[in-house]
Amino acid sequence: MAMLSHEQVRVGDTLPPLTLRPINRTTLALYAGASGDHNQIHIDIDFARKAGMPDVFAHGMLSAAYLGRLLTAWVPQSQLRKITVRFTGITQLGHVPHLTGHVAEELEQNGERCVRVEIRCENQYGEHKVVGDAIVALS
């Protein structure tokens, strides 16, 4: 993947959207193993119900990782300077992660030409689950 340059990117440009498979128990178990986050509320239905939830639900950091995947499908990882996210909703089993982003601002940071990209993870109903932004350096 070639590095994007400041001539190729404009405020208002959208990133290619990324839609993933519905969240299921296997996804949660695999993420728990890969991340080391074995919080029972994400993998044990009895524990989740005792906590007042109807079922297990996705780790917030799983959706954040999906946002990283959205960005690295657009630019090489070496161009990422900062990613900031805020968790805004719970991703339930069966939710389909839909990741989008758009270039919101051009700026200079630490002597580099950069853009700020607003990113979000929604479910199939348009409900925001994670929102944030990223600083991406341009060549």
Protein backbone atom coordinates (compact mmCIF):
# COMPACT_ATOMS: atom_id res chain seq x y z
CA MET A 1 0.00 0.00 0.00
CA ALA A 2 1.42 3.37 -1.01
CA MET A 3 1.51 6.27 1.40
CA LEU A 4 -1.13 8.93 0.80
CA SER A 5 0.13 12.42 0.08
CA HIS A 6 -1.40 15.77 0.92
CA GLU A 7 -2.27 16.19 -2.79
CA GLN A 8 -4.46 13.08 -2.65
CA VAL A 9 -6.52 13.94 0.43
CA ARG A 10 -9.06 16.72 0.97
CA VAL A 11 -11.38 17.73 3.80
CA GLY A 12 -14.67 15.94 3.24
CA ASP A 13 -13.13 12.84 1.66
CA THR A 14 -14.62 9.61 2.99
CA LEU A 15 -12.74 6.44 3.82
CA PRO A 16 -13.89 3.23 2.17
CA PRO A 17 -16.49 1.86 4.60
CA LEU A 18 -15.95 -1.48 6.29
CA THR A 19 -18.83 -3.78 7.23
CA LEU A 20 -18.03 -6.93 9.17
CA ARG A 21 -19.88 -10.11 10.10
CA PRO A 22 -22.40 -10.02 12.94
CA ILE A 23 -20.91 -10.30 16.42
CA ASN A 24 -21.27 -13.83 17.76
CA ARG A 25 -20.01 -15.85 20.73
CA THR A 26 -17.09 -17.25 18.73
CA THR A 27 -15.92 -13.72 17.86
CA LEU A 28 -16.01 -12.78 21.54
CA ALA A 29 -14.15 -15.91 22.62
CA LEU A 30 -11.47 -15.42 19.97
CA TYR A 31 -11.06 -11.74 20.88
CA ALA A 32 -10.80 -12.62 24.59
CA GLY A 33 -8.04 -15.10 23.81
CA ALA A 34 -6.16 -12.77 21.48
CA SER A 35 -6.42 -9.70 23.72
CA GLY A 36 -6.10 -11.39 27.09
CA ASP A 37 -9.33 -9.64 28.17
CA HIS A 38 -11.31 -12.47 29.74
CA ASN A 39 -13.83 -10.27 31.54
CA GLN A 40 -16.70 -12.67 32.19
CA ILE A 41 -19.38 -10.18 31.16
CA HIS A 42 -18.23 -10.71 27.56
CA ILE A 43 -18.06 -14.51 27.53
CA ASP A 44 -20.23 -15.98 30.33
CA ILE A 45 -23.99 -15.61 29.86
CA ASP A 46 -24.74 -16.46 33.52
CA PHE A 47 -22.31 -13.80 34.73
CA ALA A 48 -23.76 -11.23 32.28
CA ARG A 49 -27.31 -11.97 33.47
CA LYS A 50 -26.30 -11.66 37.12
CA ALA A 51 -24.91 -8.23 36.19
CA GLY A 52 -28.32 -7.25 34.79
CA MET A 53 -27.55 -7.73 31.12
CA PRO A 54 -29.71 -9.92 28.86
CA ASP A 55 -26.65 -11.68 27.41
CA VAL A 56 -22.93 -11.25 26.83
CA PHE A 57 -21.83 -8.35 24.63
CA ALA A 58 -18.75 -7.27 22.71
CA HIS A 59 -15.65 -5.80 24.30
CA GLY A 60 -15.45 -2.07 23.62
CA MET A 61 -11.86 -2.52 22.53
CA LEU A 62 -12.98 -4.99 19.85
CA SER A 63 -14.89 -2.17 18.16
CA ALA A 64 -11.90 0.13 18.68
CA ALA A 65 -9.71 -2.48 16.98
CA TYR A 66 -12.16 -2.58 14.08
CA LEU A 67 -11.70 1.19 13.74
CA GLY A 68 -7.96 0.62 13.53
CA ARG A 69 -8.65 -1.88 10.77
CA LEU A 70 -10.73 0.74 8.92
CA LEU A 71 -7.82 3.17 9.09
CA THR A 72 -5.13 0.69 8.04
CA ALA A 73 -7.21 -0.33 5.05
CA TRP A 74 -6.94 3.33 3.97
CA VAL A 75 -3.33 4.17 4.88
CA PRO A 76 -0.30 2.18 6.03
CA GLN A 77 -0.03 1.87 9.81
CA SER A 78 3.18 3.94 9.66
CA GLN A 79 1.08 7.02 8.80
CA LEU A 80 -1.08 6.80 11.93
CA ARG A 81 -0.03 9.24 14.63
CA LYS A 82 -2.91 9.11 17.12
CA ILE A 83 -6.26 7.39 17.56
CA THR A 84 -8.74 8.57 20.17
CA VAL A 85 -12.06 6.81 20.81
CA ARG A 86 -15.07 7.20 23.07
CA PHE A 87 -17.40 4.31 23.81
CA THR A 88 -21.01 5.39 23.28
CA GLY A 89 -23.03 2.17 23.25
CA ILE A 90 -23.00 -1.56 23.82
CA THR A 91 -22.49 -3.86 20.85
CA GLN A 92 -24.83 -6.79 21.39
CA LEU A 93 -24.67 -10.27 19.88
CA GLY A 94 -26.00 -10.11 16.33
CA HIS A 95 -25.00 -6.50 15.79
CA VAL A 96 -23.24 -5.90 12.48
CA PRO A 97 -20.27 -3.53 12.89
CA HIS A 98 -20.26 -0.83 10.20
CA LEU A 99 -17.15 1.37 10.27
CA THR A 100 -16.93 4.73 8.54
CA GLY A 101 -14.75 7.80 8.54
CA HIS A 102 -14.20 11.11 6.83
CA VAL A 103 -11.45 13.70 6.66
CA ALA A 104 -12.53 16.54 8.93
CA GLU A 105 -9.52 18.85 9.04
CA GLU A 106 -6.07 19.52 7.62
CA LEU A 107 -3.40 20.46 10.15
CA GLU A 108 0.28 20.47 10.87
CA GLN A 109 1.56 18.52 13.85
CA ASN A 110 5.18 18.19 14.91
CA GLY A 111 6.32 19.53 11.54
CA GLU A 112 4.23 17.01 9.54
CA ARG A 113 1.30 17.67 7.27
CA CYS A 114 -1.59 15.71 8.72
CA VAL A 115 -5.33 15.28 8.58
CA ARG A 116 -7.78 14.62 11.37
CA VAL A 117 -10.19 11.85 10.45
CA GLU A 118 -13.47 11.42 12.29
CA ILE A 119 -14.27 7.72 12.68
CA ARG A 120 -17.19 5.73 14.02
CA CYS A 121 -18.49 2.24 14.54
CA GLU A 122 -22.23 1.78 14.25
CA ASN A 123 -24.49 -1.23 14.19
CA GLN A 124 -26.89 -2.10 11.38
CA TYR A 125 -29.50 0.21 12.92
CA GLY A 126 -27.26 3.28 12.72
CA GLU A 127 -26.67 3.36 16.48
CA HIS A 128 -23.20 4.67 17.32
CA LYS A 129 -21.15 2.29 19.46
CA VAL A 130 -17.68 3.92 19.29
CA VAL A 131 -16.78 7.36 17.95
CA GLY A 132 -13.42 9.02 17.70
CA ASP A 133 -10.81 10.56 15.53
CA ALA A 134 -7.36 9.82 14.21
CA ILE A 135 -4.40 11.93 13.18
CA VAL A 136 -2.88 10.68 9.95
CA ALA A 137 0.43 11.97 8.56
CA LEU A 138 0.63 12.62 4.84
CA SER A 139 3.75 12.51 2.69
